[in-house]
Amino acid sequence: MRVIRTFGPSAREAERRLRQIEQRSGAAAARLQPAVQRILTAVQREGDTALRRYAARYDRLAPDAGLAVSRQEMAEAWKQTPLALRRAMQAAAKNIRQFAQWQMPKSWSRTAAGRTVGQRCLPLPSVGCYVPGGRYPLPSTLLMTALPARVAGVERIVVVSPRPARETLAAAHLAGVEEMYRIGGAQAVAALAYGTASIPRVEKIVGPGNLYVTTAKRLVAFDCAIDMMAGPTEIAIASESGDPAWIAADLVAQAEHDPEAMAILITANQALAQATTKGVVRQAAKNPIARQSLTVHGVIFLTRDHAETLAVTNRIAAEHLTVDDRHDLPHIRNAGSIFIGGSTPQSMGDYVSGPNHVLPTGRAARVRGGLSVYDFLRIVTTQEYSAAGLASLGEAAMTLAAAEGLVAHAASVAVRMESRKSGGKR
């Protein structure tokens, strides 16, 4: 990781690097868009034929292999999973489910002066959960996507995962998944968005993925709802007093997800910056993916003071963010999920804390947080007037309608008010 000062002779270089980071999402998507669009179009036009072609090419799906994973296969994977791992999955599932239950909004209604308004929390009818499976098996992602959907009450939960490992199949059994397919990449996103003979379309796609998956989600977003741009991984640490070995461990941990992962330390402490650099080199020595990621995308910004540290942190708007203590929280506006203090490794959030590890990347943390039970719900508002309530507010509505030149809007209120005055329907 290279140390770049945000002041002095290197200030211009630091600003250039920061702008490059700020534009990271759009640049990557633009580069891959033509290739991804070809895959999406092929699946949309040819259905299962194209889906199998790409699955064979990219996911090594055998010609005679079924796309669907049976519930029996999931149950058998659970039985074959070591007891320690099953218990760990159960602990994680308990916390993920509980956090989603705590998040669950309420339906409500309130009445005042003849006007009753409220909201109803209705689950989406169907969702597709993308679970990466290429480089590493990620049973944790299956739990993070399927369990909040179940808490929200989604009736049809579809999981797609390329070459699903036994651990992922076991997690599917634990989460009660009934529909799962062994496909991945942009072709899986296309199948979920447009549907094929084998895979009926869903209303929304959630879950992280590599640049191809993220670009595909971006391109289908007008045809099928998506959660966010979620991938590749990003980590930022804003620290002046942290333990350099611990900081280096977190940077290496997130960097090992993907060669495109972004890892950044922001600090005004020069000694901490130098010690962390050495720690990263040492800890990533036997981790080729992390080493590649940190070499290309890793950087340490050395700032003038802590105020600038926080300002740079907000500009980056990283997926994962670690801060020294709670005193920094009021100053942090942009982050997917915040980890507080040295005793809180980001890996805990990846697995067992409960808050979701599917988080916004590419600076999407400026406008939303991580995946939550809200992503699987529709908040439908309701309103009802009594005759007296209509009489009390009708004139205001008609005045506003007239100001906008929408005479029929005003008339739809007036006809009811006049009918009431003449003894018509209440």
Protein backbone atom coordinates (compact mmCIF):
# COMPACT_ATOMS: atom_id res chain seq x y z
CA MET A 1 0.00 0.00 0.00
CA ARG A 2 1.28 3.42 -0.91
CA VAL A 3 1.17 6.36 1.52
CA ILE A 4 0.00 9.63 -0.09
CA ARG A 5 -0.07 12.90 1.83
CA THR A 6 -3.14 15.06 1.25
CA PHE A 7 -1.05 18.20 1.77
CA GLY A 8 2.26 19.60 0.62
CA PRO A 9 3.89 18.55 -2.67
CA SER A 10 1.73 15.42 -3.01
CA ALA A 11 -1.61 17.22 -2.48
CA ARG A 12 -2.39 17.24 -6.20
CA GLU A 13 -1.67 13.53 -6.51
CA ALA A 14 -3.89 12.81 -3.49
CA GLU A 15 -6.73 14.80 -5.03
CA ARG A 16 -6.34 12.94 -8.32
CA ARG A 17 -6.48 9.60 -6.52
CA LEU A 18 -9.52 10.65 -4.49
CA ARG A 19 -11.37 11.68 -7.65
CA GLN A 20 -10.46 8.37 -9.23
CA ILE A 21 -11.93 6.59 -6.21
CA GLU A 22 -15.08 8.73 -6.37
CA GLN A 23 -15.63 7.68 -9.99
CA ARG A 24 -14.82 4.00 -9.44
CA SER A 25 -18.29 2.57 -10.04
CA GLY A 26 -19.14 4.25 -13.33
CA ALA A 27 -15.75 3.61 -14.91
CA ALA A 28 -15.86 -0.13 -14.20
CA ALA A 29 -19.42 -0.52 -15.45
CA ALA A 30 -18.69 1.36 -18.67
CA ARG A 31 -15.77 -0.94 -19.44
CA LEU A 32 -17.78 -4.13 -19.03
CA GLN A 33 -21.17 -2.96 -20.28
CA PRO A 34 -20.92 -4.19 -23.92
CA ALA A 35 -19.95 -7.74 -22.93
CA VAL A 36 -22.55 -7.92 -20.16
CA GLN A 37 -25.26 -6.55 -22.43
CA ARG A 38 -24.60 -9.31 -24.96
CA ILE A 39 -25.16 -11.94 -22.27
CA LEU A 40 -28.36 -10.28 -21.03
CA THR A 41 -29.76 -9.98 -24.55
CA ALA A 42 -28.93 -13.59 -25.39
CA VAL A 43 -30.69 -14.94 -22.29
CA GLN A 44 -33.67 -12.66 -22.86
CA ARG A 45 -34.04 -13.92 -26.44
CA GLU A 46 -32.96 -17.55 -26.19
CA GLY A 47 -33.91 -18.40 -22.61
CA ASP A 48 -32.57 -21.68 -21.24
CA THR A 49 -30.48 -22.36 -24.36
CA ALA A 50 -28.32 -19.28 -23.77
CA LEU A 51 -28.42 -19.76 -20.01
CA ARG A 52 -26.97 -23.26 -20.31
CA ARG A 53 -24.42 -22.13 -22.88
CA TYR A 54 -23.01 -19.48 -20.57
CA ALA A 55 -23.28 -21.74 -17.50
CA ALA A 56 -21.20 -24.38 -19.30
CA ARG A 57 -18.64 -21.78 -20.42
CA TYR A 58 -18.22 -19.84 -17.18
CA ASP A 59 -19.52 -22.12 -14.41
CA ARG A 60 -18.48 -25.51 -15.85
CA LEU A 61 -22.05 -26.81 -15.72
CA ALA A 62 -22.14 -30.32 -17.18
CA PRO A 63 -24.44 -30.85 -20.21
CA ASP A 64 -26.56 -33.37 -18.33
CA ALA A 65 -26.67 -31.42 -15.05
CA GLY A 66 -29.97 -29.95 -13.94
CA LEU A 67 -30.21 -26.24 -13.32
CA ALA A 68 -32.35 -26.70 -10.23
CA VAL A 69 -31.01 -27.86 -6.87
CA SER A 70 -33.40 -30.23 -5.12
CA ARG A 71 -34.48 -29.78 -1.50
CA GLN A 72 -33.16 -33.30 -0.88
CA GLU A 73 -29.71 -32.20 -2.07
CA MET A 74 -29.80 -29.26 0.35
CA ALA A 75 -30.91 -31.48 3.23
CA GLU A 76 -28.17 -34.01 2.47
CA ALA A 77 -25.56 -31.22 2.42
CA TRP A 78 -26.72 -30.13 5.86
CA LYS A 79 -26.33 -33.66 7.21
CA GLN A 80 -22.80 -33.90 5.78
CA THR A 81 -21.69 -30.53 7.17
CA PRO A 82 -19.43 -30.78 10.25
CA LEU A 83 -21.21 -30.10 13.53
CA ALA A 84 -19.03 -27.10 14.40
CA LEU A 85 -19.92 -25.39 11.13
CA ARG A 86 -23.60 -26.19 11.53
CA ARG A 87 -23.57 -24.60 14.98
CA ALA A 88 -21.75 -21.55 13.64
CA MET A 89 -24.35 -21.18 10.87
CA GLN A 90 -27.15 -21.53 13.41
CA ALA A 91 -25.61 -18.81 15.60
CA ALA A 92 -25.25 -16.50 12.61
CA ALA A 93 -28.78 -17.25 11.41
CA LYS A 94 -30.22 -16.50 14.84
CA ASN A 95 -28.60 -13.04 14.95
CA ILE A 96 -29.41 -12.20 11.32
CA ARG A 97 -33.04 -13.17 11.82
CA GLN A 98 -33.30 -11.29 15.11
CA PHE A 99 -31.81 -8.11 13.64
CA ALA A 100 -34.26 -8.26 10.72
CA GLN A 101 -37.13 -8.71 13.18
CA TRP A 102 -35.95 -5.66 15.11
CA GLN A 103 -35.83 -3.71 11.84
CA MET A 104 -39.32 -4.75 10.73
CA PRO A 105 -41.53 -1.65 10.35
CA LYS A 106 -45.11 -1.58 11.60
CA SER A 107 -48.39 -1.08 9.81
CA TRP A 108 -50.33 1.75 11.44
CA SER A 109 -53.18 4.24 11.04
CA ARG A 110 -54.02 7.55 12.73
CA THR A 111 -57.25 9.51 12.72
CA ALA A 112 -57.61 13.27 13.19
CA ALA A 113 -60.55 15.55 12.29
CA GLY A 114 -62.25 13.08 10.00
CA ARG A 115 -59.07 12.11 8.16
CA THR A 116 -57.60 8.61 8.66
CA VAL A 117 -54.16 7.97 7.20
CA GLY A 118 -51.74 5.11 7.61
CA GLN A 119 -49.39 2.62 6.07
CA ARG A 120 -49.39 -1.10 5.33
CA CYS A 121 -46.16 -3.10 5.18
CA LEU A 122 -46.58 -5.66 2.40
CA PRO A 123 -43.91 -8.19 1.35
CA LEU A 124 -42.71 -8.44 -2.23
CA PRO A 125 -44.19 -11.50 -3.94
CA SER A 126 -40.81 -12.82 -5.13
CA VAL A 127 -37.09 -12.05 -4.84
CA GLY A 128 -33.92 -13.50 -6.33
CA CYS A 129 -30.91 -13.83 -4.01
CA TYR A 130 -27.54 -13.85 -5.75
CA VAL A 131 -24.94 -15.83 -3.77
CA PRO A 132 -21.39 -15.72 -5.20
CA GLY A 133 -19.70 -19.08 -5.50
CA GLY A 134 -16.80 -18.75 -7.88
CA ARG A 135 -13.69 -17.99 -5.83
CA TYR A 136 -15.03 -18.87 -2.36
CA PRO A 137 -18.17 -20.57 -1.07
CA LEU A 138 -20.24 -17.93 0.71
CA PRO A 139 -22.91 -19.59 2.86
CA SER A 140 -22.97 -16.40 4.94
CA THR A 141 -24.31 -14.44 1.96
CA LEU A 142 -27.11 -16.94 1.50
CA LEU A 143 -28.17 -16.39 5.11
CA MET A 144 -27.81 -12.61 4.80
CA THR A 145 -30.12 -12.47 1.78
CA ALA A 146 -32.67 -15.23 2.33
CA LEU A 147 -33.37 -14.75 6.05
CA PRO A 148 -34.42 -11.05 5.93
CA ALA A 149 -36.63 -11.92 2.95
CA ARG A 150 -38.28 -14.65 5.02
CA VAL A 151 -38.75 -12.31 8.00
CA ALA A 152 -40.39 -9.79 5.65
CA GLY A 153 -42.82 -12.49 4.49
CA VAL A 154 -41.69 -12.92 0.88
CA GLU A 155 -43.54 -15.93 -0.50
CA ARG A 156 -41.11 -16.98 -3.28
CA ILE A 157 -37.40 -16.77 -2.47
CA VAL A 158 -35.13 -17.89 -5.31
CA VAL A 159 -31.39 -18.45 -4.81
CA VAL A 160 -28.86 -18.57 -7.64
CA SER A 161 -25.25 -19.56 -7.06
CA PRO A 162 -22.61 -20.85 -9.50
CA ARG A 163 -21.12 -24.22 -8.53
CA PRO A 164 -22.74 -24.11 -5.08
CA ALA A 165 -20.51 -25.71 -2.48
CA ARG A 166 -21.78 -28.10 0.17
CA GLU A 167 -21.60 -25.28 2.73
CA THR A 168 -23.82 -23.06 0.59
CA LEU A 169 -26.34 -25.86 0.06
CA ALA A 170 -26.35 -26.50 3.80
CA ALA A 171 -27.05 -22.83 4.48
CA ALA A 172 -29.92 -22.99 2.00
CA HIS A 173 -31.43 -25.86 3.96
CA LEU A 174 -31.02 -23.95 7.23
CA ALA A 175 -32.71 -20.88 5.73
CA GLY A 176 -35.63 -22.93 4.43
CA VAL A 177 -34.90 -22.22 0.75
CA GLU A 178 -37.20 -24.15 -1.58
CA GLU A 179 -36.02 -22.89 -4.98
CA MET A 180 -32.34 -22.77 -5.94
CA TYR A 181 -30.40 -22.90 -9.22
CA ARG A 182 -26.73 -23.65 -9.91
CA ILE A 183 -26.09 -20.64 -12.15
CA GLY A 184 -24.17 -17.40 -11.70
CA GLY A 185 -22.76 -14.35 -13.42
CA ALA A 186 -24.60 -11.96 -15.68
CA GLN A 187 -26.57 -14.88 -17.13
CA ALA A 188 -28.12 -15.63 -13.72
CA VAL A 189 -29.10 -11.98 -13.32
CA ALA A 190 -30.73 -12.12 -16.76
CA ALA A 191 -32.67 -15.27 -15.87
CA LEU A 192 -33.99 -13.69 -12.67
CA ALA A 193 -34.88 -10.42 -14.39
CA TYR A 194 -36.50 -11.76 -17.56
CA GLY A 195 -37.35 -15.37 -16.76
CA THR A 196 -36.80 -18.53 -18.82
CA ALA A 197 -38.76 -21.75 -19.27
CA SER A 198 -36.97 -23.21 -16.24
CA ILE A 199 -36.78 -20.12 -14.03
CA PRO A 200 -39.78 -17.78 -13.68
CA ARG A 201 -38.78 -14.14 -13.27
CA VAL A 202 -38.71 -12.39 -9.91
CA GLU A 203 -39.74 -8.90 -8.85
CA LYS A 204 -36.39 -7.93 -7.31
CA ILE A 205 -32.77 -9.10 -7.31
CA VAL A 206 -30.58 -8.73 -4.22
CA GLY A 207 -27.07 -9.77 -3.27
CA PRO A 208 -23.41 -8.99 -3.98
CA GLY A 209 -21.26 -10.08 -6.89
CA ASN A 210 -18.23 -9.31 -9.01
CA LEU A 211 -18.09 -6.52 -11.58
CA TYR A 212 -19.99 -8.58 -14.16
CA VAL A 213 -22.85 -9.24 -11.75
CA THR A 214 -22.92 -5.64 -10.53
CA THR A 215 -22.95 -4.31 -14.09
CA ALA A 216 -25.71 -6.76 -15.04
CA LYS A 217 -27.83 -5.60 -12.11
CA ARG A 218 -27.34 -2.01 -13.21
CA LEU A 219 -28.47 -2.84 -16.76
CA VAL A 220 -31.62 -4.78 -15.80
CA ALA A 221 -32.71 -2.25 -13.17
CA PHE A 222 -35.37 -0.73 -15.46
CA ASP A 223 -36.95 -4.16 -16.00
CA CYS A 224 -36.50 -5.70 -12.56
CA ALA A 225 -35.95 -3.97 -9.24
CA ILE A 226 -32.53 -4.36 -7.62
CA ASP A 227 -31.21 -3.61 -4.17
CA MET A 228 -27.98 -1.71 -4.92
CA MET A 229 -24.57 -1.89 -6.52
CA ALA A 230 -22.93 -4.41 -4.17
CA GLY A 231 -19.43 -5.39 -5.22
CA PRO A 232 -16.49 -5.62 -5.37
CA THR A 233 -15.63 -5.23 -1.67
CA GLU A 234 -14.51 -1.92 -0.17
CA ILE A 235 -12.94 -1.17 3.19
CA ALA A 236 -11.97 2.15 4.74
CA ILE A 237 -10.47 2.69 8.18
CA ALA A 238 -10.38 6.17 9.71
CA SER A 239 -8.02 5.95 12.67
CA GLU A 240 -5.52 7.99 14.62
CA SER A 241 -4.91 5.63 17.53
CA GLY A 242 -5.66 2.11 16.31
CA ASP A 243 -3.40 -0.89 16.58
CA PRO A 244 -1.51 -1.14 13.27
CA ALA A 245 -1.51 -4.95 13.33
CA TRP A 246 -5.28 -5.02 13.80
CA ILE A 247 -5.83 -2.43 11.09
CA ALA A 248 -3.59 -4.34 8.70
CA ALA A 249 -5.51 -7.54 9.49
CA ASP A 250 -8.83 -5.90 8.54
CA LEU A 251 -7.39 -4.46 5.33
CA VAL A 252 -5.99 -7.83 4.26
CA ALA A 253 -9.19 -9.64 5.25
CA GLN A 254 -11.42 -7.54 3.00
CA ALA A 255 -8.84 -7.35 0.22
CA GLU A 256 -8.79 -11.15 -0.13
CA HIS A 257 -12.36 -11.13 -1.46
CA ASP A 258 -11.40 -9.98 -4.95
CA PRO A 259 -8.42 -8.57 -6.89
CA GLU A 260 -10.67 -5.53 -7.56
CA ALA A 261 -11.36 -4.92 -3.84
CA MET A 262 -10.53 -1.45 -2.53
CA ALA A 263 -8.70 -1.05 0.81
CA ILE A 264 -7.95 2.37 2.31
CA LEU A 265 -6.59 3.76 5.57
CA ILE A 266 -7.13 7.45 6.35
CA THR A 267 -5.06 8.85 9.21
CA ALA A 268 -3.19 11.92 10.43
CA ASN A 269 -0.81 9.69 12.38
CA GLN A 270 2.34 9.19 10.30
CA ALA A 271 3.73 6.49 12.60
CA LEU A 272 0.46 4.55 12.33
CA ALA A 273 0.54 4.84 8.53
CA GLN A 274 4.09 3.49 8.33
CA ALA A 275 3.47 0.65 10.80
CA THR A 276 0.28 -0.37 9.00
CA THR A 277 2.12 -0.48 5.66
CA LYS A 278 4.64 -2.91 7.11
CA GLY A 279 1.87 -4.94 8.72
CA VAL A 280 -0.03 -5.24 5.45
CA VAL A 281 3.06 -6.46 3.60
CA ARG A 282 3.74 -9.07 6.27
CA GLN A 283 0.15 -10.32 6.66
CA ALA A 284 -0.60 -10.43 2.91
CA ALA A 285 2.62 -12.23 2.02
CA LYS A 286 0.91 -15.64 1.63
CA ASN A 287 -2.41 -14.33 0.34
CA PRO A 288 -2.01 -13.71 -3.42
CA ILE A 289 -5.48 -12.24 -4.01
CA ALA A 290 -5.13 -9.80 -1.11
CA ARG A 291 -1.62 -8.91 -2.21
CA GLN A 292 -2.79 -8.16 -5.75
CA SER A 293 -5.74 -6.09 -4.53
CA LEU A 294 -3.66 -4.09 -2.07
CA THR A 295 -0.94 -3.43 -4.62
CA VAL A 296 -3.35 -2.03 -7.21
CA HIS A 297 -6.20 -0.59 -5.16
CA GLY A 298 -4.74 -0.12 -1.66
CA VAL A 299 -3.78 3.33 -0.45
CA ILE A 300 -3.11 5.19 2.80
CA PHE A 301 -4.08 8.85 2.85
CA LEU A 302 -1.98 10.78 5.37
CA THR A 303 -3.99 13.86 6.36
CA ARG A 304 -3.21 17.13 8.16
CA ASP A 305 -5.50 16.41 11.11
CA HIS A 306 -8.44 14.35 12.24
CA ALA A 307 -10.97 16.78 10.79
CA GLU A 308 -9.49 16.17 7.34
CA THR A 309 -9.45 12.42 8.04
CA LEU A 310 -13.22 12.53 8.53
CA ALA A 311 -13.74 14.74 5.47
CA VAL A 312 -11.80 12.34 3.24
CA THR A 313 -13.69 9.40 4.77
CA ASN A 314 -17.02 10.96 3.80
CA ARG A 315 -15.80 11.58 0.26
CA ILE A 316 -14.86 7.92 -0.18
CA ALA A 317 -18.24 6.65 1.13
CA ALA A 318 -16.95 3.13 1.61
CA GLU A 319 -18.91 -0.07 2.01
CA HIS A 320 -17.21 -1.02 5.32
CA LEU A 321 -15.86 1.69 7.63
CA THR A 322 -13.99 1.36 10.93
CA VAL A 323 -13.60 4.32 13.31
CA ASP A 324 -11.71 4.59 16.59
CA ASP A 325 -14.70 5.24 18.85
CA ARG A 326 -18.26 6.55 19.07
CA HIS A 327 -17.13 10.19 19.14
CA ASP A 328 -16.63 10.00 15.37
CA LEU A 329 -20.18 8.81 14.62
CA PRO A 330 -21.84 12.28 14.49
CA HIS A 331 -19.33 13.30 11.83
CA ILE A 332 -19.73 10.24 9.56
CA ARG A 333 -22.40 10.72 6.88
CA ASN A 334 -21.39 8.22 4.19
CA ALA A 335 -20.74 4.56 4.96
CA GLY A 336 -22.48 1.26 4.31
CA SER A 337 -21.84 -0.16 7.77
CA ILE A 338 -19.74 1.28 10.59
CA PHE A 339 -17.52 -0.77 12.90
CA ILE A 340 -16.64 0.99 16.14
CA GLY A 341 -13.44 0.48 18.09
CA GLY A 342 -10.46 -1.83 17.91
CA SER A 343 -12.31 -4.81 19.36
CA THR A 344 -14.73 -4.88 16.41
CA PRO A 345 -13.10 -6.60 13.43
CA GLN A 346 -15.06 -6.17 10.22
CA SER A 347 -15.12 -9.94 9.82
CA MET A 348 -17.62 -10.17 12.70
CA GLY A 349 -20.06 -8.17 10.61
CA ASP A 350 -19.43 -10.46 7.66
CA TYR A 351 -20.71 -13.43 9.62
CA VAL A 352 -22.41 -13.24 13.00
CA SER A 353 -23.23 -9.74 14.26
CA GLY A 354 -26.68 -9.58 12.67
CA PRO A 355 -26.57 -6.40 10.56
CA ASN A 356 -26.40 -7.33 6.90
CA HIS A 357 -23.10 -7.78 5.09
CA VAL A 358 -24.64 -6.98 1.68
CA LEU A 359 -23.60 -3.33 1.53
CA PRO A 360 -23.52 -0.49 -1.02
CA THR A 361 -20.32 0.00 -3.01
CA GLY A 362 -19.20 2.50 -5.63
CA ARG A 363 -20.16 5.45 -3.34
CA ALA A 364 -23.78 4.29 -3.21
CA ALA A 365 -23.40 4.64 0.57
CA ARG A 366 -24.08 8.35 0.02
CA VAL A 367 -27.74 7.51 -0.58
CA ARG A 368 -28.50 4.21 1.18
CA GLY A 369 -27.34 1.71 3.77
CA GLY A 370 -26.98 -2.04 3.59
CA LEU A 371 -29.52 -4.68 2.68
CA SER A 372 -32.33 -4.81 5.23
CA VAL A 373 -35.82 -6.11 5.76
CA TYR A 374 -37.04 -2.88 4.09
CA ASP A 375 -35.65 -4.11 0.76
CA PHE A 376 -38.22 -6.91 0.77
CA LEU A 377 -41.24 -4.76 1.64
CA ARG A 378 -43.58 -2.28 0.00
CA ILE A 379 -44.81 0.51 2.27
CA VAL A 380 -48.32 1.19 0.95
CA THR A 381 -50.03 4.27 2.34
CA THR A 382 -53.78 4.51 3.01
CA GLN A 383 -56.18 7.45 3.42
CA GLU A 384 -59.85 7.75 4.22
CA TYR A 385 -62.12 10.79 4.74
CA SER A 386 -65.41 11.12 6.50
CA ALA A 387 -67.86 13.68 5.14
CA ALA A 388 -66.80 16.10 7.86
CA GLY A 389 -63.12 15.52 7.11
CA LEU A 390 -63.68 16.19 3.41
CA ALA A 391 -65.53 19.40 4.24
CA SER A 392 -62.68 20.61 6.46
CA LEU A 393 -59.89 20.13 3.88
CA GLY A 394 -61.73 20.08 0.55
CA GLU A 395 -61.44 23.81 -0.06
CA ALA A 396 -57.66 23.69 0.43
CA ALA A 397 -57.35 20.84 -2.07
CA MET A 398 -59.52 22.66 -4.65
CA THR A 399 -57.51 25.86 -4.23
CA LEU A 400 -54.26 24.02 -4.84
CA ALA A 401 -55.73 22.20 -7.86
CA ALA A 402 -56.91 25.50 -9.34
CA ALA A 403 -53.47 27.04 -8.83
CA GLU A 404 -52.01 24.20 -10.89
CA GLY A 405 -54.64 24.52 -13.59
CA LEU A 406 -55.98 21.01 -12.97
CA VAL A 407 -59.69 21.77 -13.05
CA ALA A 408 -60.83 18.13 -13.04
CA HIS A 409 -58.90 17.56 -9.82
CA ALA A 410 -60.83 20.38 -8.18
CA ALA A 411 -64.10 19.09 -9.64
CA SER A 412 -63.60 15.61 -8.17
CA VAL A 413 -63.57 17.19 -4.72
CA ALA A 414 -66.32 19.71 -5.43
CA VAL A 415 -68.83 17.14 -6.67
CA ARG A 416 -68.62 15.28 -3.39
CA MET A 417 -68.87 18.38 -1.25
CA GLU A 418 -71.88 19.67 -3.22
CA SER A 419 -73.58 16.27 -3.00
CA ARG A 420 -73.09 16.31 0.75
CA LYS A 421 -74.66 19.75 1.04
CA SER A 422 -77.69 18.67 -0.99
CA GLY A 423 -78.19 15.53 1.08
CA GLY A 424 -76.52 13.04 -1.27
CA LYS A 425 -74.22 10.11 -0.41
CA ARG A 426 -72.17 10.49 2.70
